[in-house]
Amino acid sequence: MTAAGRAGVALGLSSAQQLRLHEVVEGYFRAAPVVEQVVNHGDLALMNALWEGEVVALLDFEFAVLGPVEIDLCRLVCEARVSEEGQCVDSEAGDAAVEIAAHCMDPVHGRALTHGAAVLDQLRDLDIWLARDSTEERVEDWRPCRLITDLLNAEGGYLAPLLRQRSPHTRK
């Protein structure tokens, strides 16, 4: 069974949500081969950076991957716009992350790549959770589960401000 199939079962996704999940993931895989490939950290988060007034080093490259820059952009936006509990929060950091992502993402395929990368990122985390031996926590209460279902809604969850922009900026 695919990660999307496992997510559908674990989360009890409706037929419409399952269809949307497949559309988003397929959109990513259609667009990924036609854009520039770069080295992505793969887990771009504050906890993986050393700071001394500014970022001086990135750590933990076990998820590093060659692919579209949108892989790291979706994580940047997530880290800035989502609380530890998985709730979307409005903040200056979130606005800045959206602006950075809009400026750096591919002008043609950026929305599909960012949305798909975000869903794939959460599917990876869900697979890790499902592989655990402990079942004390309900799957519905776990952050990636809430994020996946939010990303599948019409607005696009925490990516909504980025996905609804009319025309992404051109990369510099």
Foldseek 3Di string as FASTA:
>chain_A
DDLLVVLCVQLVDDPLLSVLLVVLQVLQVVCWVVDAWDWDLQQDAPVQFDDDPHTDDGHDSPRIDITFNLLNLLNQLCRQQADQQQAGDDDPSNVVSLLVLLQAAAFPSRLSNNLNSNLVSLSVVLVVVVPDPDDPDRSCRHNSSSQNSQCSDPQRHSCNVNNPDPTRHHYD
